[in-house]
Each structure stands twice: as C-alpha cells, then as structure tokens.
Amino acid sequence: MSLSADEFSLLQSATRVGRITKFRIPNGNGVRNVIGEVVDEIAFIRDRHKVVVQKVKYPQHHLWDDAECGYRLGYFTVPRDLFAPPRIVWRNYAMVITETEVDFLLQQAKQKGWRIPAYF
C-alpha cells in the first residue's frame, strides 16, 4: 500500500524525542514504570511504517546494568481508515528488519555519535 503525501509527511515528522517512556511489569496490575526520557532517535520509512530505534536516558541506573542509556525499538504507522483523516499510531511489537536496514540504522547511529557495541 502506498502512502499519500499527507501520510508520508506525518510519518516523517513522527517522533517521541522529549517524551517519557514507560513499561508495564507482567502481573503488575497494569502499573506503568518509567524507563526514562527519549533523547534521540534513528529511523527509516518502509511501506506504511517508520521503524525507529529510540535512545532512552534512564533517570537512574538500572539494577542489571550501570549504563546511563538504553535503546527501545518500535515503529510509527498510519492506519488505513477511509472515514477518518490520516493519523499516526506508535507500536512496539516485535518486528523484523533486513540486514541492509540494520546497516542503515547503524550508520545513522555512528553519525550521531552513539556508542556502538563491538559485536556490531
């Protein structure tokens, strides 16, 4: 499915930089816990999706690691709704990206000065 110019523009401008990101602990009665603030993003647009890697700065160090930042994967999408104007929806379900797309994201990360682990 191709995007209209308005939908493409919406995807291009979609960002969560500056927003607080949270998660739910399984069996935690729906309580949301703060992970941190999204301080940067790298992304590419494929089909009706903007695939994003968010750099999240923790408000405090996590128990499993003493890193100051973590990375969250997700995507923005433009749902196809014939009776409503185009809108953006954030999703962070499992996704699959190609090796070429991983290379593209890693190049963006390097250009922004992100620390890249040795195994990449």
PDB file of N, CA and C in Angstrom:
ATOM      1  N   MET A   1       0.834  -1.184   0.000  1.00  0.00           N
ATOM      2  CA  MET A   1       0.000   0.000   0.000  1.00  0.00           C
ATOM      3  C   MET A   1       0.875   1.243   0.000  1.00  0.00           C
ATOM      4  N   SER A   2       0.616   2.139  -0.894  1.00  0.00           N
ATOM      5  CA  SER A   2       1.412   3.355  -0.954  1.00  0.00           C
ATOM      6  C   SER A   2       0.814   4.422  -0.032  1.00  0.00           C
ATOM      7  N   LEU A   3       1.672   5.349   0.330  1.00  0.00           N
ATOM      8  CA  LEU A   3       1.271   6.453   1.204  1.00  0.00           C
ATOM      9  C   LEU A   3       0.909   7.683   0.382  1.00  0.00           C
ATOM     10  N   SER A   4      -0.081   8.435   0.843  1.00  0.00           N
ATOM     11  CA  SER A   4      -0.355   9.735   0.234  1.00  0.00           C
ATOM     12  C   SER A   4       0.734  10.698   0.705  1.00  0.00           C
ATOM     13  N   ALA A   5       0.806  11.857   0.105  1.00  0.00           N
ATOM     14  CA  ALA A   5       1.794  12.861   0.509  1.00  0.00           C
ATOM     15  C   ALA A   5       1.567  13.281   1.964  1.00  0.00           C
ATOM     16  N   ASP A   6       0.306  13.415   2.381  1.00  0.00           N
ATOM     17  CA  ASP A   6      -0.011  13.783   3.770  1.00  0.00           C
ATOM     18  C   ASP A   6       0.433  12.697   4.748  1.00  0.00           C
ATOM     19  N   GLU A   7       0.175  11.439   4.398  1.00  0.00           N
ATOM     20  CA  GLU A   7       0.575  10.331   5.262  1.00  0.00           C
ATOM     21  C   GLU A   7       2.092  10.241   5.378  1.00  0.00           C
ATOM     22  N   PHE A   8       2.792  10.411   4.260  1.00  0.00           N
ATOM     23  CA  PHE A   8       4.257  10.365   4.284  1.00  0.00           C
ATOM     24  C   PHE A   8       4.810  11.489   5.147  1.00  0.00           C
ATOM     25  N   SER A   9       4.238  12.667   5.017  1.00  0.00           N
ATOM     26  CA  SER A   9       4.662  13.817   5.824  1.00  0.00           C
ATOM     27  C   SER A   9       4.435  13.552   7.317  1.00  0.00           C
ATOM     28  N   LEU A  10       3.300  12.945   7.651  1.00  0.00           N
ATOM     29  CA  LEU A  10       3.023  12.590   9.046  1.00  0.00           C
ATOM     30  C   LEU A  10       4.073  11.621   9.580  1.00  0.00           C
ATOM     31  N   LEU A  11       4.402  10.602   8.791  1.00  0.00           N
ATOM     32  CA  LEU A  11       5.411   9.630   9.224  1.00  0.00           C
ATOM     33  C   LEU A  11       6.777  10.286   9.396  1.00  0.00           C
ATOM     34  N   GLN A  12       7.158  11.133   8.443  1.00  0.00           N
ATOM     35  CA  GLN A  12       8.455  11.802   8.528  1.00  0.00           C
ATOM     36  C   GLN A  12       8.576  12.619   9.809  1.00  0.00           C
ATOM     37  N   SER A  13       7.513  13.296  10.205  1.00  0.00           N
ATOM     38  CA  SER A  13       7.573  14.191  11.371  1.00  0.00           C
ATOM     39  C   SER A  13       7.308  13.477  12.696  1.00  0.00           C
ATOM     40  N   ALA A  14       6.881  12.224  12.656  1.00  0.00           N
ATOM     41  CA  ALA A  14       6.562  11.490  13.886  1.00  0.00           C
ATOM     42  C   ALA A  14       7.823  11.267  14.716  1.00  0.00           C
ATOM     43  N   THR A  15       7.756  11.600  15.996  1.00  0.00           N
ATOM     44  CA  THR A  15       8.888  11.412  16.900  1.00  0.00           C
ATOM     45  C   THR A  15       8.376  11.314  18.335  1.00  0.00           C
ATOM     46  N   ARG A  16       9.166  10.687  19.177  1.00  0.00           N
ATOM     47  CA  ARG A  16       8.868  10.635  20.605  1.00  0.00           C
ATOM     48  C   ARG A  16      10.008  11.258  21.412  1.00  0.00           C
ATOM     49  N   VAL A  17      10.927  11.944  20.718  1.00  0.00           N
ATOM     50  CA  VAL A  17      12.024  12.622  21.412  1.00  0.00           C
ATOM     51  C   VAL A  17      11.436  13.642  22.389  1.00  0.00           C
ATOM     52  N   GLY A  18      11.971  13.618  23.611  1.00  0.00           N
ATOM     53  CA  GLY A  18      11.488  14.514  24.658  1.00  0.00           C
ATOM     54  C   GLY A  18      10.370  13.928  25.505  1.00  0.00           C
ATOM     55  N   ARG A  19       9.863  12.777  25.123  1.00  0.00           N
ATOM     56  CA  ARG A  19       8.771  12.157  25.873  1.00  0.00           C
ATOM     57  C   ARG A  19       9.314  11.132  26.854  1.00  0.00           C
ATOM     58  N   ILE A  20       8.590  10.947  27.934  1.00  0.00           N
ATOM     59  CA  ILE A  20       8.917   9.922  28.925  1.00  0.00           C
ATOM     60  C   ILE A  20       8.348   8.602  28.433  1.00  0.00           C
ATOM     61  N   THR A  21       9.145   7.552  28.502  1.00  0.00           N
ATOM     62  CA  THR A  21       8.672   6.238  28.082  1.00  0.00           C
ATOM     63  C   THR A  21       8.513   5.353  29.314  1.00  0.00           C
ATOM     64  N   LYS A  22       7.491   4.523  29.289  1.00  0.00           N
ATOM     65  CA  LYS A  22       7.147   3.666  30.430  1.00  0.00           C
ATOM     66  C   LYS A  22       6.954   2.232  29.958  1.00  0.00           C
ATOM     67  N   PHE A  23       6.919   1.302  30.911  1.00  0.00           N
ATOM     68  CA  PHE A  23       6.636  -0.091  30.599  1.00  0.00           C
ATOM     69  C   PHE A  23       5.764  -0.680  31.703  1.00  0.00           C
ATOM     70  N   ARG A  24       5.114  -1.777  31.381  1.00  0.00           N
ATOM     71  CA  ARG A  24       4.301  -2.499  32.363  1.00  0.00           C
ATOM     72  C   ARG A  24       5.024  -3.773  32.758  1.00  0.00           C
ATOM     73  N   ILE A  25       5.053  -4.056  34.047  1.00  0.00           N
ATOM     74  CA  ILE A  25       5.602  -5.316  34.530  1.00  0.00           C
ATOM     75  C   ILE A  25       4.510  -6.367  34.418  1.00  0.00           C
ATOM     76  N   PRO A  26       4.807  -7.534  33.804  1.00  0.00           N
ATOM     77  CA  PRO A  26       3.785  -8.587  33.738  1.00  0.00           C
ATOM     78  C   PRO A  26       3.247  -8.897  35.134  1.00  0.00           C
ATOM     79  N   ASN A  27       1.966  -9.079  35.240  1.00  0.00           N
ATOM     80  CA  ASN A  27       1.275  -9.354  36.506  1.00  0.00           C
ATOM     81  C   ASN A  27       1.485  -8.237  37.524  1.00  0.00           C
ATOM     82  N   GLY A  28       1.720  -7.025  37.036  1.00  0.00           N
ATOM     83  CA  GLY A  28       1.918  -5.875  37.918  1.00  0.00           C
ATOM     84  C   GLY A  28       0.670  -5.028  38.045  1.00  0.00           C
ATOM     85  N   ASN A  29      -0.497  -5.637  37.779  1.00  0.00           N
ATOM     86  CA  ASN A  29      -1.777  -4.951  37.892  1.00  0.00           C
ATOM     87  C   ASN A  29      -1.850  -3.690  37.032  1.00  0.00           C
ATOM     88  N   GLY A  30      -1.165  -3.688  35.878  1.00  0.00           N
ATOM     89  CA  GLY A  30      -1.247  -2.570  34.953  1.00  0.00           C
ATOM     90  C   GLY A  30      -0.443  -1.349  35.347  1.00  0.00           C
ATOM     91  N   VAL A  31       0.349  -1.453  36.398  1.00  0.00           N
ATOM     92  CA  VAL A  31       1.156  -0.315  36.846  1.00  0.00           C
ATOM     93  C   VAL A  31       2.237  -0.040  35.805  1.00  0.00           C
ATOM     94  N   ARG A  32       2.398   1.227  35.445  1.00  0.00           N
ATOM     95  CA  ARG A  32       3.426   1.620  34.486  1.00  0.00           C
ATOM     96  C   ARG A  32       4.623   2.192  35.229  1.00  0.00           C
ATOM     97  N   ASN A  33       5.802   1.751  34.849  1.00  0.00           N
ATOM     98  CA  ASN A  33       7.041   2.212  35.455  1.00  0.00           C
ATOM     99  C   ASN A  33       7.834   3.014  34.434  1.00  0.00           C
ATOM    100  N   VAL A  34       8.433   4.097  34.880  1.00  0.00           N
ATOM    101  CA  VAL A  34       9.219   4.944  33.988  1.00  0.00           C
ATOM    102  C   VAL A  34      10.525   4.248  33.620  1.00  0.00           C
ATOM    103  N   ILE A  35      10.837   4.212  32.328  1.00  0.00           N
ATOM    104  CA  ILE A  35      12.139   3.755  31.860  1.00  0.00           C
ATOM    105  C   ILE A  35      13.064   4.964  31.795  1.00  0.00           C
ATOM    106  N   GLY A  36      12.583   6.030  31.155  1.00  0.00           N
ATOM    107  CA  GLY A  36      13.384   7.234  31.028  1.00  0.00           C
ATOM    108  C   GLY A  36      12.837   8.136  29.943  1.00  0.00           C
ATOM    109  N   GLU A  37      13.657   9.107  29.550  1.00  0.00           N
ATOM    110  CA  GLU A  37      13.264  10.070  28.527  1.00  0.00           C
ATOM    111  C   GLU A  37      13.914   9.705  27.198  1.00  0.00           C
ATOM    112  N   VAL A  38      13.131   9.786  26.128  1.00  0.00           N
ATOM    113  CA  VAL A  38      13.670   9.563  24.789  1.00  0.00           C
ATOM    114  C   VAL A  38      14.476  10.805  24.414  1.00  0.00           C
ATOM    115  N   VAL A  39      15.800  10.622  24.244  1.00  0.00           N
ATOM    116  CA  VAL A  39      16.670  11.761  23.968  1.00  0.00           C
ATOM    117  C   VAL A  39      17.111  11.839  22.508  1.00  0.00           C
ATOM    118  N   ASP A  40      16.929  10.759  21.753  1.00  0.00           N
ATOM    119  CA  ASP A  40      17.313  10.764  20.340  1.00  0.00           C
ATOM    120  C   ASP A  40      16.644   9.581  19.647  1.00  0.00           C
ATOM    121  N   GLU A  41      16.578   9.637  18.331  1.00  0.00           N
ATOM    122  CA  GLU A  41      16.012   8.553  17.538  1.00  0.00           C
ATOM    123  C   GLU A  41      16.774   8.431  16.225  1.00  0.00           C
ATOM    124  N   ILE A  42      16.825   7.217  15.707  1.00  0.00           N
ATOM    125  CA  ILE A  42      17.232   6.968  14.328  1.00  0.00           C
ATOM    126  C   ILE A  42      16.103   6.178  13.692  1.00  0.00           C
ATOM    127  N   ALA A  43      15.918   6.321  12.376  1.00  0.00           N
ATOM    128  CA  ALA A  43      14.733   5.714  11.768  1.00  0.00           C
ATOM    129  C   ALA A  43      14.866   5.592  10.260  1.00  0.00           C
ATOM    130  N   PHE A  44      13.985   4.794   9.680  1.00  0.00           N
ATOM    131  CA  PHE A  44      13.781   4.749   8.239  1.00  0.00           C
ATOM    132  C   PHE A  44      12.315   4.446   7.988  1.00  0.00           C
ATOM    133  N   ILE A  45      11.838   4.819   6.813  1.00  0.00           N
ATOM    134  CA  ILE A  45      10.440   4.581   6.445  1.00  0.00           C
ATOM    135  C   ILE A  45      10.390   3.435   5.443  1.00  0.00           C
ATOM    136  N   ARG A  46       9.540   2.448   5.770  1.00  0.00           N
ATOM    137  CA  ARG A  46       9.296   1.309   4.883  1.00  0.00           C
ATOM    138  C   ARG A  46       7.790   1.088   4.812  1.00  0.00           C
ATOM    139  N   ASP A  47       7.256   1.071   3.609  1.00  0.00           N
ATOM    140  CA  ASP A  47       5.814   0.879   3.398  1.00  0.00           C
ATOM    141  C   ASP A  47       5.032   1.916   4.200  1.00  0.00           C
ATOM    142  N   ARG A  48       4.177   1.483   5.104  1.00  0.00           N
ATOM    143  CA  ARG A  48       3.362   2.401   5.906  1.00  0.00           C
ATOM    144  C   ARG A  48       3.912   2.552   7.324  1.00  0.00           C
ATOM    145  N   HIS A  49       5.209   2.269   7.481  1.00  0.00           N
ATOM    146  CA  HIS A  49       5.816   2.279   8.811  1.00  0.00           C
ATOM    147  C   HIS A  49       7.087   3.121   8.850  1.00  0.00           C
ATOM    148  N   LYS A  50       7.303   3.777   9.961  1.00  0.00           N
ATOM    149  CA  LYS A  50       8.582   4.428  10.252  1.00  0.00           C
ATOM    150  C   LYS A  50       9.208   3.623  11.380  1.00  0.00           C
ATOM    151  N   VAL A  51      10.211   2.815  11.043  1.00  0.00           N
ATOM    152  CA  VAL A  51      10.883   1.960  12.013  1.00  0.00           C
ATOM    153  C   VAL A  51      11.877   2.828  12.782  1.00  0.00           C
ATOM    154  N   VAL A  52      11.835   2.731  14.121  1.00  0.00           N
ATOM    155  CA  VAL A  52      12.578   3.648  14.980  1.00  0.00           C
ATOM    156  C   VAL A  52      13.386   2.891  16.031  1.00  0.00           C
ATOM    157  N   VAL A  53      14.600   3.370  16.285  1.00  0.00           N
ATOM    158  CA  VAL A  53      15.374   2.976  17.452  1.00  0.00           C
ATOM    159  C   VAL A  53      15.476   4.225  18.304  1.00  0.00           C
ATOM    160  N   GLN A  54      14.957   4.148  19.523  1.00  0.00           N
ATOM    161  CA  GLN A  54      14.978   5.286  20.434  1.00  0.00           C
ATOM    162  C   GLN A  54      16.131   5.137  21.413  1.00  0.00           C
ATOM    163  N   LYS A  55      16.849   6.225  21.647  1.00  0.00           N
ATOM    164  CA  LYS A  55      17.865   6.265  22.689  1.00  0.00           C
ATOM    165  C   LYS A  55      17.183   6.847  23.921  1.00  0.00           C
ATOM    166  N   VAL A  56      17.150   6.052  25.007  1.00  0.00           N
ATOM    167  CA  VAL A  56      16.420   6.429  26.221  1.00  0.00           C
ATOM    168  C   VAL A  56      17.416   6.658  27.357  1.00  0.00           C
ATOM    169  N   LYS A  57      17.380   7.843  27.935  1.00  0.00           N
ATOM    170  CA  LYS A  57      18.239   8.159  29.080  1.00  0.00           C
ATOM    171  C   LYS A  57      17.489   7.798  30.351  1.00  0.00           C
ATOM    172  N   TYR A  58      18.117   6.934  31.156  1.00  0.00           N
ATOM    173  CA  TYR A  58      17.499   6.495  32.399  1.00  0.00           C
ATOM    174  C   TYR A  58      17.535   7.616  33.436  1.00  0.00           C
ATOM    175  N   PRO A  59      16.496   7.732  34.267  1.00  0.00           N
ATOM    176  CA  PRO A  59      16.540   8.704  35.362  1.00  0.00           C
ATOM    177  C   PRO A  59      17.495   8.255  36.467  1.00  0.00           C
ATOM    178  N   GLN A  60      17.752   6.956  36.521  1.00  0.00           N
ATOM    179  CA  GLN A  60      18.713   6.384  37.468  1.00  0.00           C
ATOM    180  C   GLN A  60      19.208   5.081  36.855  1.00  0.00           C
ATOM    181  N   HIS A  61      20.326   4.576  37.326  1.00  0.00           N
ATOM    182  CA  HIS A  61      20.857   3.336  36.759  1.00  0.00           C
ATOM    183  C   HIS A  61      19.930   2.169  37.073  1.00  0.00           C
ATOM    184  N   HIS A  62      19.868   1.248  36.134  1.00  0.00           N
ATOM    185  CA  HIS A  62      19.051   0.058  36.330  1.00  0.00           C
ATOM    186  C   HIS A  62      19.841  -1.008  37.078  1.00  0.00           C
ATOM    187  N   LEU A  63      19.134  -1.908  37.686  1.00  0.00           N
ATOM    188  CA  LEU A  63      19.756  -2.949  38.502  1.00  0.00           C
ATOM    189  C   LEU A  63      20.644  -3.889  37.693  1.00  0.00           C
ATOM    190  N   TRP A  64      20.271  -4.163  36.440  1.00  0.00           N
ATOM    191  CA  TRP A  64      21.001  -5.156  35.669  1.00  0.00           C
ATOM    192  C   TRP A  64      22.234  -4.574  34.970  1.00  0.00           C
ATOM    193  N   ASP A  65      22.423  -3.268  35.021  1.00  0.00           N
ATOM    194  CA  ASP A  65      23.494  -2.651  34.261  1.00  0.00           C
ATOM    195  C   ASP A  65      23.749  -1.256  34.831  1.00  0.00           C
ATOM    196  N   ASP A  66      24.939  -0.734  34.650  1.00  0.00           N
ATOM    197  CA  ASP A  66      25.193   0.621  35.139  1.00  0.00           C
ATOM    198  C   ASP A  66      25.217   1.639  33.997  1.00  0.00           C
ATOM    199  N   ALA A  67      24.680   1.259  32.838  1.00  0.00           N
ATOM    200  CA  ALA A  67      24.613   2.168  31.692  1.00  0.00           C
ATOM    201  C   ALA A  67      23.655   3.323  31.983  1.00  0.00           C
ATOM    202  N   GLU A  68      23.916   4.457  31.351  1.00  0.00           N
ATOM    203  CA  GLU A  68      23.057   5.631  31.515  1.00  0.00           C
ATOM    204  C   GLU A  68      21.929   5.662  30.500  1.00  0.00           C
ATOM    205  N   CYS A  69      22.094   4.919  29.393  1.00  0.00           N
ATOM    206  CA  CYS A  69      21.089   4.924  28.336  1.00  0.00           C
ATOM    207  C   CYS A  69      20.772   3.505  27.897  1.00  0.00           C
ATOM    208  N   GLY A  70      19.601   3.352  27.335  1.00  0.00           N
ATOM    209  CA  GLY A  70      19.182   2.094  26.738  1.00  0.00           C
ATOM    210  C   GLY A  70      18.533   2.394  25.398  1.00  0.00           C
ATOM    211  N   TYR A  71      18.141   1.359  24.676  1.00  0.00           N
ATOM    212  CA  TYR A  71      17.575   1.525  23.347  1.00  0.00           C
ATOM    213  C   TYR A  71      16.263   0.764  23.259  1.00  0.00           C
ATOM    214  N   ARG A  72      15.286   1.396  22.649  1.00  0.00           N
ATOM    215  CA  ARG A  72      13.961   0.810  22.520  1.00  0.00           C
ATOM    216  C   ARG A  72      13.597   0.791  21.044  1.00  0.00           C
ATOM    217  N   LEU A  73      13.079  -0.331  20.575  1.00  0.00           N
ATOM    218  CA  LEU A  73      12.678  -0.480  19.183  1.00  0.00           C
ATOM    219  C   LEU A  73      11.171  -0.336  19.058  1.00  0.00           C
ATOM    220  N   GLY A  74      10.737   0.217  17.972  1.00  0.00           N
ATOM    221  CA  GLY A  74       9.310   0.344  17.724  1.00  0.00           C
ATOM    222  C   GLY A  74       9.075   0.928  16.346  1.00  0.00           C
ATOM    223  N   TYR A  75       7.834   1.286  16.075  1.00  0.00           N
ATOM    224  CA  TYR A  75       7.528   1.891  14.786  1.00  0.00           C
ATOM    225  C   TYR A  75       6.268   2.737  14.886  1.00  0.00           C
ATOM    226  N   PHE A  76       6.222   3.737  14.017  1.00  0.00           N
ATOM    227  CA  PHE A  76       5.010   4.523  13.815  1.00  0.00           C
ATOM    228  C   PHE A  76       4.334   3.964  12.579  1.00  0.00           C
ATOM    229  N   THR A  77       3.024   4.025  12.550  1.00  0.00           N
ATOM    230  CA  THR A  77       2.292   3.565  11.379  1.00  0.00           C
ATOM    231  C   THR A  77       1.102   4.490  11.131  1.00  0.00           C
ATOM    232  N   VAL A  78       0.637   4.474   9.901  1.00  0.00           N
ATOM    233  CA  VAL A  78      -0.555   5.236   9.523  1.00  0.00           C
ATOM    234  C   VAL A  78      -1.643   4.211   9.217  1.00  0.00           C
ATOM    235  N   PRO A  79      -2.583   4.016  10.155  1.00  0.00           N
ATOM    236  CA  PRO A  79      -3.644   3.039   9.893  1.00  0.00           C
ATOM    237  C   PRO A  79      -4.493   3.460   8.682  1.00  0.00           C
ATOM    238  N   ARG A  80      -4.943   2.506   7.924  1.00  0.00           N
ATOM    239  CA  ARG A  80      -5.791   2.785   6.761  1.00  0.00           C
ATOM    240  C   ARG A  80      -7.228   2.873   7.240  1.00  0.00           C
ATOM    241  N   ASP A  81      -7.763   4.095   7.288  1.00  0.00           N
ATOM    242  CA  ASP A  81      -9.154   4.320   7.712  1.00  0.00           C
ATOM    243  C   ASP A  81      -9.792   5.263   6.707  1.00  0.00           C
ATOM    244  N   LEU A  82     -10.700   4.747   5.916  1.00  0.00           N
ATOM    245  CA  LEU A  82     -11.321   5.542   4.852  1.00  0.00           C
ATOM    246  C   LEU A  82     -12.216   6.656   5.383  1.00  0.00           C
ATOM    247  N   PHE A  83     -12.664   6.553   6.635  1.00  0.00           N
ATOM    248  CA  PHE A  83     -13.627   7.508   7.168  1.00  0.00           C
ATOM    249  C   PHE A  83     -13.030   8.501   8.154  1.00  0.00           C
ATOM    250  N   ALA A  84     -11.715   8.513   8.282  1.00  0.00           N
ATOM    251  CA  ALA A  84     -11.066   9.424   9.223  1.00  0.00           C
ATOM    252  C   ALA A  84      -9.818  10.012   8.567  1.00  0.00           C
ATOM    253  N   PRO A  85      -9.418  11.194   9.014  1.00  0.00           N
ATOM    254  CA  PRO A  85      -8.184  11.766   8.461  1.00  0.00           C
ATOM    255  C   PRO A  85      -6.973  10.932   8.878  1.00  0.00           C
ATOM    256  N   PRO A  86      -5.876  11.017   8.121  1.00  0.00           N
ATOM    257  CA  PRO A  86      -4.677  10.249   8.476  1.00  0.00           C
ATOM    258  C   PRO A  86      -4.185  10.601   9.873  1.00  0.00           C
ATOM    259  N   ARG A  87      -3.707   9.598  10.593  1.00  0.00           N
ATOM    260  CA  ARG A  87      -3.163   9.807  11.930  1.00  0.00           C
ATOM    261  C   ARG A  87      -2.002   8.854  12.129  1.00  0.00           C
ATOM    262  N   ILE A  88      -1.197   9.146  13.139  1.00  0.00           N
ATOM    263  CA  ILE A  88      -0.027   8.333  13.457  1.00  0.00           C
ATOM    264  C   ILE A  88      -0.311   7.507  14.702  1.00  0.00           C
ATOM    265  N   VAL A  89       0.117   6.248  14.677  1.00  0.00           N
ATOM    266  CA  VAL A  89      -0.024   5.364  15.827  1.00  0.00           C
ATOM    267  C   VAL A  89       1.356   4.786  16.139  1.00  0.00           C
ATOM    268  N   TRP A  90       1.728   4.769  17.431  1.00  0.00           N
ATOM    269  CA  TRP A  90       3.002   4.193  17.883  1.00  0.00           C
ATOM    270  C   TRP A  90       2.786   2.735  18.249  1.00  0.00           C
ATOM    271  N   ARG A  91       3.683   1.855  17.836  1.00  0.00           N
ATOM    272  CA  ARG A  91       3.634   0.439  18.183  1.00  0.00           C
ATOM    273  C   ARG A  91       5.042  -0.009  18.579  1.00  0.00           C
ATOM    274  N   ASN A  92       5.136  -0.940  19.487  1.00  0.00           N
ATOM    275  CA  ASN A  92       6.442  -1.507  19.829  1.00  0.00           C
ATOM    276  C   ASN A  92       6.366  -3.023  19.917  1.00  0.00           C
ATOM    277  N   TYR A  93       5.617  -3.598  18.999  1.00  0.00           N
ATOM    278  CA  TYR A  93       5.539  -5.055  18.907  1.00  0.00           C
ATOM    279  C   TYR A  93       6.769  -5.565  18.160  1.00  0.00           C
ATOM    280  N   ALA A  94       6.997  -6.843  18.212  1.00  0.00           N
ATOM    281  CA  ALA A  94       8.152  -7.443  17.544  1.00  0.00           C
ATOM    282  C   ALA A  94       8.100  -7.158  16.047  1.00  0.00           C
ATOM    283  N   MET A  95       9.249  -6.830  15.490  1.00  0.00           N
ATOM    284  CA  MET A  95       9.320  -6.568  14.064  1.00  0.00           C
ATOM    285  C   MET A  95      10.565  -7.230  13.498  1.00  0.00           C
ATOM    286  N   VAL A  96      10.601  -7.361  12.203  1.00  0.00           N
ATOM    287  CA  VAL A  96      11.749  -7.943  11.527  1.00  0.00           C
ATOM    288  C   VAL A  96      12.260  -6.902  10.540  1.00  0.00           C
ATOM    289  N   ILE A  97      13.589  -6.660  10.591  1.00  0.00           N
ATOM    290  CA  ILE A  97      14.190  -5.763   9.613  1.00  0.00           C
ATOM    291  C   ILE A  97      15.338  -6.494   8.935  1.00  0.00           C
ATOM    292  N   THR A  98      15.654  -6.078   7.729  1.00  0.00           N
ATOM    293  CA  THR A  98      16.690  -6.747   6.936  1.00  0.00           C
ATOM    294  C   THR A  98      18.090  -6.336   7.391  1.00  0.00           C
ATOM    295  N   GLU A  99      19.100  -7.081   6.960  1.00  0.00           N
ATOM    296  CA  GLU A  99      20.480  -6.721   7.267  1.00  0.00           C
ATOM    297  C   GLU A  99      20.822  -5.341   6.709  1.00  0.00           C
ATOM    298  N   THR A 100      20.313  -5.047   5.524  1.00  0.00           N
ATOM    299  CA  THR A 100      20.555  -3.738   4.906  1.00  0.00           C
ATOM    300  C   THR A 100      19.968  -2.627   5.768  1.00  0.00           C
ATOM    301  N   GLU A 101      18.783  -2.856   6.324  1.00  0.00           N
ATOM    302  CA  GLU A 101      18.150  -1.857   7.185  1.00  0.00           C
ATOM    303  C   GLU A 101      18.921  -1.693   8.493  1.00  0.00           C
ATOM    304  N   VAL A 102      19.452  -2.790   9.031  1.00  0.00           N
ATOM    305  CA  VAL A 102      20.288  -2.707  10.238  1.00  0.00           C
ATOM    306  C   VAL A 102      21.533  -1.880   9.936  1.00  0.00           C
ATOM    307  N   ASP A 103      22.168  -2.137   8.800  1.00  0.00           N
ATOM    308  CA  ASP A 103      23.340  -1.356   8.401  1.00  0.00           C
ATOM    309  C   ASP A 103      23.002   0.132   8.314  1.00  0.00           C
ATOM    310  N   PHE A 104      21.864   0.437   7.721  1.00  0.00           N
ATOM    311  CA  PHE A 104      21.429   1.826   7.569  1.00  0.00           C
ATOM    312  C   PHE A 104      21.263   2.487   8.944  1.00  0.00           C
ATOM    313  N   LEU A 105      20.607   1.788   9.871  1.00  0.00           N
ATOM    314  CA  LEU A 105      20.409   2.336  11.221  1.00  0.00           C
ATOM    315  C   LEU A 105      21.738   2.509  11.951  1.00  0.00           C
ATOM    316  N   LEU A 106      22.646   1.536  11.815  1.00  0.00           N
ATOM    317  CA  LEU A 106      23.953   1.645  12.473  1.00  0.00           C
ATOM    318  C   LEU A 106      24.752   2.829  11.928  1.00  0.00           C
ATOM    319  N   GLN A 107      24.656   3.086  10.631  1.00  0.00           N
ATOM    320  CA  GLN A 107      25.340   4.244  10.057  1.00  0.00           C
ATOM    321  C   GLN A 107      24.779   5.541  10.641  1.00  0.00           C
ATOM    322  N   GLN A 108      23.454   5.626  10.782  1.00  0.00           N
ATOM    323  CA  GLN A 108      22.843   6.804  11.399  1.00  0.00           C
ATOM    324  C   GLN A 108      23.337   6.973  12.832  1.00  0.00           C
ATOM    325  N   ALA A 109      23.371   5.868  13.573  1.00  0.00           N
ATOM    326  CA  ALA A 109      23.806   5.910  14.970  1.00  0.00           C
ATOM    327  C   ALA A 109      25.250   6.398  15.063  1.00  0.00           C
ATOM    328  N   LYS A 110      26.117   5.901  14.185  1.00  0.00           N
ATOM    329  CA  LYS A 110      27.519   6.333  14.182  1.00  0.00           C
ATOM    330  C   LYS A 110      27.626   7.817  13.880  1.00  0.00           C
ATOM    331  N   GLN A 111      26.850   8.296  12.915  1.00  0.00           N
ATOM    332  CA  GLN A 111      26.881   9.717  12.548  1.00  0.00           C
ATOM    333  C   GLN A 111      26.436  10.602  13.709  1.00  0.00           C
ATOM    334  N   LYS A 112      25.540  10.080  14.556  1.00  0.00           N
ATOM    335  CA  LYS A 112      25.056  10.845  15.707  1.00  0.00           C
ATOM    336  C   LYS A 112      25.939  10.670  16.934  1.00  0.00           C
ATOM    337  N   GLY A 113      26.966   9.832  16.811  1.00  0.00           N
ATOM    338  CA  GLY A 113      27.898   9.648  17.915  1.00  0.00           C
ATOM    339  C   GLY A 113      27.443   8.654  18.972  1.00  0.00           C
ATOM    340  N   TRP A 114      26.459   7.806  18.644  1.00  0.00           N
ATOM    341  CA  TRP A 114      26.013   6.798  19.589  1.00  0.00           C
ATOM    342  C   TRP A 114      27.113   5.765  19.762  1.00  0.00           C
ATOM    343  N   ARG A 115      27.233   5.221  20.954  1.00  0.00           N
ATOM    344  CA  ARG A 115      28.183   4.136  21.200  1.00  0.00           C
ATOM    345  C   ARG A 115      27.645   2.869  20.547  1.00  0.00           C
ATOM    346  N   ILE A 116      28.447   2.246  19.710  1.00  0.00           N
ATOM    347  CA  ILE A 116      28.058   1.020  19.023  1.00  0.00           C
ATOM    348  C   ILE A 116      28.816  -0.148  19.647  1.00  0.00           C
ATOM    349  N   PRO A 117      28.104  -1.161  20.184  1.00  0.00           N
ATOM    350  CA  PRO A 117      28.794  -2.306  20.779  1.00  0.00           C
ATOM    351  C   PRO A 117      29.694  -3.006  19.774  1.00  0.00           C
ATOM    352  N   ALA A 118      30.762  -3.610  20.277  1.00  0.00           N
ATOM    353  CA  ALA A 118      31.762  -4.259  19.422  1.00  0.00           C
ATOM    354  C   ALA A 118      31.168  -5.368  18.551  1.00  0.00           C
ATOM    355  N   TYR A 119      30.109  -6.037  19.023  1.00  0.00           N
ATOM    356  CA  TYR A 119      29.563  -7.141  18.237  1.00  0.00           C
ATOM    357  C   TYR A 119      28.795  -6.673  17.009  1.00  0.00           C
ATOM    358  N   PHE A 120      28.625  -5.385  16.823  1.00  0.00           N
ATOM    359  CA  PHE A 120      28.047  -4.855  15.584  1.00  0.00           C
ATOM    360  C   PHE A 120      29.195  -4.402  14.723  1.00  0.00           C
TER     361      PHE A 120
END
